Amino acid sequence: MDNEEVIMGIIVHGGNARSYAMRAMSAAKNLDFEEADELVESANEELNKAHRIQTDLIQAESRGDKTEVSLLMVHAQDHLMNAMSVRDVSLEIIDLNKKIKKLSGGN
């Protein structure tokens, strides 16, 4: 697989993770916590895939196989970090919605 294909893997999986996390927040706003939790799990799976690709690149570089740092690579790393941040925020939003529901008399 060439370098651009590897980088696109990070972008695709990061984008999928971000989308799942955004959908999880929407589900939590609608008090569908089962769906929200499932979507977060899907986001985590996508983040793990992207992270494995990133780890492979880091390990290859530590063995002396240099990876060209291109604008596409920078974009991929940015995409992954953004997805991780959105997932983290989604966990907080879901937790807050659960607490609000509980405090308002919901189970």
N, C-alpha and C. Protein backbone atom coordinates (compact mmCIF):
# COMPACT_ATOMS: atom_id res chain seq x y z
N MET A 1 0.86 -1.18 0.00
CA MET A 1 0.00 0.00 0.00
C MET A 1 0.90 1.24 0.00
N ASP A 2 0.57 2.20 -0.86
CA ASP A 2 1.42 3.38 -0.91
C ASP A 2 1.05 4.35 0.22
N ASN A 3 1.93 5.33 0.40
CA ASN A 3 1.80 6.27 1.52
C ASN A 3 0.46 7.01 1.51
N GLU A 4 0.00 7.42 0.34
CA GLU A 4 -1.27 8.16 0.28
C GLU A 4 -2.45 7.28 0.70
N GLU A 5 -2.42 6.01 0.34
CA GLU A 5 -3.49 5.10 0.76
C GLU A 5 -3.50 4.93 2.27
N VAL A 6 -2.32 4.82 2.85
CA VAL A 6 -2.21 4.68 4.31
C VAL A 6 -2.76 5.92 4.98
N ILE A 7 -2.36 7.08 4.50
CA ILE A 7 -2.82 8.34 5.07
C ILE A 7 -4.34 8.47 4.93
N MET A 8 -4.87 8.08 3.78
CA MET A 8 -6.32 8.15 3.58
C MET A 8 -7.06 7.25 4.57
N GLY A 9 -6.43 6.15 4.97
CA GLY A 9 -7.03 5.29 5.99
C GLY A 9 -7.25 6.04 7.29
N ILE A 10 -6.27 6.84 7.68
CA ILE A 10 -6.41 7.64 8.91
C ILE A 10 -7.56 8.63 8.75
N ILE A 11 -7.62 9.27 7.60
CA ILE A 11 -8.66 10.27 7.35
C ILE A 11 -10.04 9.63 7.36
N VAL A 12 -10.19 8.51 6.67
CA VAL A 12 -11.49 7.84 6.58
C VAL A 12 -11.95 7.36 7.95
N HIS A 13 -11.09 6.66 8.67
CA HIS A 13 -11.49 6.14 9.98
C HIS A 13 -11.72 7.27 10.98
N GLY A 14 -10.90 8.31 10.91
CA GLY A 14 -11.11 9.47 11.78
C GLY A 14 -12.43 10.15 11.48
N GLY A 15 -12.75 10.30 10.20
CA GLY A 15 -14.02 10.91 9.81
C GLY A 15 -15.21 10.07 10.25
N ASN A 16 -15.09 8.76 10.09
CA ASN A 16 -16.17 7.87 10.55
C ASN A 16 -16.37 8.00 12.05
N ALA A 17 -15.27 8.03 12.79
CA ALA A 17 -15.35 8.15 14.25
C ALA A 17 -16.04 9.45 14.65
N ARG A 18 -15.66 10.53 14.00
CA ARG A 18 -16.28 11.83 14.31
C ARG A 18 -17.77 11.79 14.03
N SER A 19 -18.16 11.20 12.91
CA SER A 19 -19.58 11.10 12.57
C SER A 19 -20.36 10.28 13.59
N TYR A 20 -19.79 9.15 13.99
CA TYR A 20 -20.45 8.33 15.02
C TYR A 20 -20.59 9.12 16.33
N ALA A 21 -19.55 9.85 16.71
CA ALA A 21 -19.61 10.62 17.96
C ALA A 21 -20.67 11.73 17.88
N MET A 22 -20.77 12.38 16.74
CA MET A 22 -21.79 13.43 16.57
C MET A 22 -23.19 12.81 16.66
N ARG A 23 -23.38 11.67 16.03
CA ARG A 23 -24.67 10.99 16.09
C ARG A 23 -24.98 10.53 17.51
N ALA A 24 -23.94 10.15 18.27
CA ALA A 24 -24.14 9.74 19.66
C ALA A 24 -24.66 10.90 20.50
N MET A 25 -24.13 12.09 20.26
CA MET A 25 -24.61 13.26 21.00
C MET A 25 -26.07 13.54 20.66
N SER A 26 -26.43 13.41 19.41
CA SER A 26 -27.83 13.62 19.02
C SER A 26 -28.74 12.60 19.68
N ALA A 27 -28.31 11.35 19.72
CA ALA A 27 -29.11 10.30 20.36
C ALA A 27 -29.29 10.62 21.84
N ALA A 28 -28.23 11.09 22.50
CA ALA A 28 -28.32 11.43 23.92
C ALA A 28 -29.27 12.60 24.15
N LYS A 29 -29.26 13.58 23.25
CA LYS A 29 -30.20 14.70 23.38
C LYS A 29 -31.64 14.22 23.27
N ASN A 30 -31.84 13.14 22.52
CA ASN A 30 -33.18 12.54 22.39
C ASN A 30 -33.44 11.47 23.45
N LEU A 31 -32.55 11.39 24.43
CA LEU A 31 -32.64 10.46 25.56
C LEU A 31 -32.59 8.99 25.14
N ASP A 32 -32.00 8.72 23.99
CA ASP A 32 -31.81 7.35 23.53
C ASP A 32 -30.38 6.94 23.88
N PHE A 33 -30.20 6.59 25.15
CA PHE A 33 -28.86 6.32 25.66
C PHE A 33 -28.29 4.99 25.17
N GLU A 34 -29.13 4.05 24.90
CA GLU A 34 -28.65 2.78 24.35
C GLU A 34 -28.01 3.03 22.98
N GLU A 35 -28.71 3.79 22.15
CA GLU A 35 -28.19 4.14 20.82
C GLU A 35 -26.92 4.98 20.96
N ALA A 36 -26.92 5.92 21.89
CA ALA A 36 -25.74 6.77 22.09
C ALA A 36 -24.53 5.93 22.48
N ASP A 37 -24.73 5.00 23.38
CA ASP A 37 -23.62 4.15 23.82
C ASP A 37 -23.11 3.27 22.68
N GLU A 38 -24.02 2.76 21.85
CA GLU A 38 -23.62 1.94 20.70
C GLU A 38 -22.82 2.77 19.70
N LEU A 39 -23.25 4.00 19.48
CA LEU A 39 -22.56 4.87 18.55
C LEU A 39 -21.17 5.25 19.06
N VAL A 40 -21.04 5.46 20.35
CA VAL A 40 -19.72 5.74 20.93
C VAL A 40 -18.81 4.52 20.74
N GLU A 41 -19.35 3.34 20.92
CA GLU A 41 -18.56 2.13 20.71
C GLU A 41 -18.09 2.05 19.25
N SER A 42 -18.97 2.39 18.32
CA SER A 42 -18.58 2.41 16.91
C SER A 42 -17.49 3.46 16.67
N ALA A 43 -17.62 4.61 17.30
CA ALA A 43 -16.59 5.65 17.19
C ALA A 43 -15.26 5.14 17.72
N ASN A 44 -15.31 4.44 18.85
CA ASN A 44 -14.09 3.90 19.43
C ASN A 44 -13.43 2.88 18.50
N GLU A 45 -14.23 2.05 17.86
CA GLU A 45 -13.69 1.06 16.92
C GLU A 45 -12.99 1.75 15.76
N GLU A 46 -13.60 2.79 15.23
CA GLU A 46 -12.99 3.54 14.12
C GLU A 46 -11.72 4.24 14.57
N LEU A 47 -11.74 4.81 15.77
CA LEU A 47 -10.53 5.46 16.29
C LEU A 47 -9.42 4.44 16.47
N ASN A 48 -9.76 3.25 16.92
CA ASN A 48 -8.74 2.20 17.08
C ASN A 48 -8.11 1.84 15.74
N LYS A 49 -8.92 1.76 14.69
CA LYS A 49 -8.39 1.46 13.35
C LYS A 49 -7.43 2.55 12.90
N ALA A 50 -7.84 3.81 13.07
CA ALA A 50 -6.99 4.93 12.67
C ALA A 50 -5.72 4.95 13.51
N HIS A 51 -5.85 4.68 14.79
CA HIS A 51 -4.69 4.70 15.68
C HIS A 51 -3.70 3.59 15.32
N ARG A 52 -4.23 2.42 14.91
CA ARG A 52 -3.33 1.33 14.50
C ARG A 52 -2.51 1.74 13.28
N ILE A 53 -3.15 2.41 12.33
CA ILE A 53 -2.42 2.90 11.16
C ILE A 53 -1.34 3.88 11.58
N GLN A 54 -1.72 4.81 12.45
CA GLN A 54 -0.77 5.81 12.94
C GLN A 54 0.39 5.13 13.66
N THR A 55 0.09 4.15 14.50
CA THR A 55 1.13 3.43 15.24
C THR A 55 2.07 2.70 14.30
N ASP A 56 1.52 2.09 13.24
CA ASP A 56 2.36 1.41 12.25
C ASP A 56 3.33 2.40 11.60
N LEU A 57 2.85 3.60 11.29
CA LEU A 57 3.72 4.62 10.69
C LEU A 57 4.82 5.03 11.67
N ILE A 58 4.47 5.19 12.92
CA ILE A 58 5.45 5.59 13.94
C ILE A 58 6.49 4.49 14.13
N GLN A 59 6.04 3.24 14.19
CA GLN A 59 6.98 2.13 14.35
C GLN A 59 7.90 2.00 13.15
N ALA A 60 7.35 2.19 11.95
CA ALA A 60 8.18 2.13 10.75
C ALA A 60 9.25 3.22 10.78
N GLU A 61 8.85 4.40 11.20
CA GLU A 61 9.82 5.49 11.27
C GLU A 61 10.89 5.21 12.32
N SER A 62 10.49 4.60 13.43
CA SER A 62 11.49 4.28 14.46
C SER A 62 12.48 3.22 13.98
N ARG A 63 12.09 2.43 12.97
CA ARG A 63 13.00 1.45 12.36
C ARG A 63 13.86 2.08 11.27
N GLY A 64 13.64 3.36 10.99
CA GLY A 64 14.43 4.04 9.98
C GLY A 64 13.72 4.26 8.67
N ASP A 65 12.48 3.78 8.54
CA ASP A 65 11.70 3.99 7.32
C ASP A 65 11.00 5.35 7.44
N LYS A 66 11.58 6.34 6.82
CA LYS A 66 11.04 7.69 6.94
C LYS A 66 9.74 7.84 6.15
N THR A 67 8.78 8.52 6.76
CA THR A 67 7.52 8.84 6.11
C THR A 67 7.56 10.31 5.71
N GLU A 68 7.23 10.57 4.46
CA GLU A 68 7.22 11.95 3.99
C GLU A 68 6.11 12.71 4.71
N VAL A 69 6.45 13.85 5.28
CA VAL A 69 5.46 14.68 5.94
C VAL A 69 4.90 15.64 4.88
N SER A 70 3.70 15.33 4.45
CA SER A 70 3.03 16.12 3.43
C SER A 70 1.85 16.86 4.05
N LEU A 71 1.27 17.74 3.28
CA LEU A 71 0.07 18.44 3.75
C LEU A 71 -1.04 17.42 4.01
N LEU A 72 -1.11 16.37 3.20
CA LEU A 72 -2.11 15.32 3.40
C LEU A 72 -1.89 14.60 4.74
N MET A 73 -0.63 14.34 5.08
CA MET A 73 -0.31 13.70 6.37
C MET A 73 -0.71 14.60 7.53
N VAL A 74 -0.41 15.88 7.42
CA VAL A 74 -0.79 16.83 8.47
C VAL A 74 -2.31 16.86 8.61
N HIS A 75 -3.00 16.86 7.48
CA HIS A 75 -4.47 16.86 7.50
C HIS A 75 -4.99 15.60 8.18
N ALA A 76 -4.38 14.47 7.89
CA ALA A 76 -4.81 13.21 8.50
C ALA A 76 -4.65 13.25 10.01
N GLN A 77 -3.52 13.75 10.47
CA GLN A 77 -3.27 13.82 11.91
C GLN A 77 -4.26 14.79 12.58
N ASP A 78 -4.51 15.89 11.91
CA ASP A 78 -5.49 16.86 12.41
C ASP A 78 -6.88 16.23 12.49
N HIS A 79 -7.23 15.51 11.45
CA HIS A 79 -8.52 14.83 11.38
C HIS A 79 -8.69 13.84 12.53
N LEU A 80 -7.64 13.07 12.79
CA LEU A 80 -7.68 12.09 13.86
C LEU A 80 -7.81 12.76 15.23
N MET A 81 -7.03 13.78 15.48
CA MET A 81 -7.10 14.46 16.78
C MET A 81 -8.46 15.12 16.98
N ASN A 82 -9.03 15.68 15.91
CA ASN A 82 -10.35 16.29 15.99
C ASN A 82 -11.39 15.21 16.34
N ALA A 83 -11.29 14.06 15.70
CA ALA A 83 -12.23 12.98 15.97
C ALA A 83 -12.13 12.52 17.42
N MET A 84 -10.91 12.44 17.92
CA MET A 84 -10.73 12.04 19.32
C MET A 84 -11.35 13.07 20.27
N SER A 85 -11.18 14.34 19.96
CA SER A 85 -11.76 15.40 20.80
C SER A 85 -13.28 15.36 20.77
N VAL A 86 -13.84 15.17 19.58
CA VAL A 86 -15.31 15.11 19.47
C VAL A 86 -15.84 13.90 20.23
N ARG A 87 -15.15 12.77 20.14
CA ARG A 87 -15.57 11.59 20.89
C ARG A 87 -15.54 11.88 22.40
N ASP A 88 -14.48 12.53 22.87
CA ASP A 88 -14.38 12.86 24.29
C ASP A 88 -15.51 13.79 24.73
N VAL A 89 -15.81 14.79 23.91
CA VAL A 89 -16.91 15.71 24.22
C VAL A 89 -18.23 14.95 24.21
N SER A 90 -18.40 14.03 23.27
CA SER A 90 -19.65 13.27 23.21
C SER A 90 -19.86 12.46 24.49
N LEU A 91 -18.78 11.91 25.05
CA LEU A 91 -18.91 11.17 26.31
C LEU A 91 -19.43 12.08 27.42
N GLU A 92 -18.93 13.31 27.46
CA GLU A 92 -19.38 14.26 28.48
C GLU A 92 -20.84 14.65 28.25
N ILE A 93 -21.21 14.91 27.00
CA ILE A 93 -22.60 15.29 26.68
C ILE A 93 -23.56 14.16 27.05
N ILE A 94 -23.18 12.94 26.73
CA ILE A 94 -24.02 11.78 27.06
C ILE A 94 -24.18 11.66 28.57
N ASP A 95 -23.07 11.78 29.29
CA ASP A 95 -23.11 11.69 30.75
C ASP A 95 -23.99 12.80 31.34
N LEU A 96 -23.84 14.01 30.85
CA LEU A 96 -24.66 15.12 31.35
C LEU A 96 -26.14 14.89 31.08
N ASN A 97 -26.47 14.40 29.90
CA ASN A 97 -27.87 14.12 29.59
C ASN A 97 -28.43 13.01 30.48
N LYS A 98 -27.63 12.02 30.79
CA LYS A 98 -28.07 10.96 31.70
C LYS A 98 -28.34 11.53 33.10
N LYS A 99 -27.45 12.41 33.55
CA LYS A 99 -27.63 13.01 34.88
C LYS A 99 -28.86 13.91 34.92
N ILE A 100 -29.07 14.68 33.86
CA ILE A 100 -30.24 15.56 33.79
C ILE A 100 -31.52 14.73 33.83
N LYS A 101 -31.55 13.64 33.08
CA LYS A 101 -32.71 12.78 33.06
C LYS A 101 -32.97 12.21 34.46
N LYS A 102 -31.91 11.76 35.10
CA LYS A 102 -32.05 11.20 36.44
C LYS A 102 -32.56 12.24 37.44
N LEU A 103 -32.01 13.45 37.37
CA LEU A 103 -32.42 14.51 38.30
C LEU A 103 -33.84 14.99 38.04
N SER A 104 -34.29 14.82 36.81
CA SER A 104 -35.64 15.29 36.48
C SER A 104 -36.69 14.20 36.74
N GLY A 105 -36.26 13.12 37.35
CA GLY A 105 -37.21 12.06 37.72
C GLY A 105 -37.25 10.90 36.77
N GLY A 106 -36.43 10.93 35.74
CA GLY A 106 -36.37 9.79 34.81
C GLY A 106 -35.47 8.71 35.38
N ASN A 107 -35.56 7.54 34.83
CA ASN A 107 -34.71 6.44 35.31
C ASN A 107 -33.46 6.43 34.54
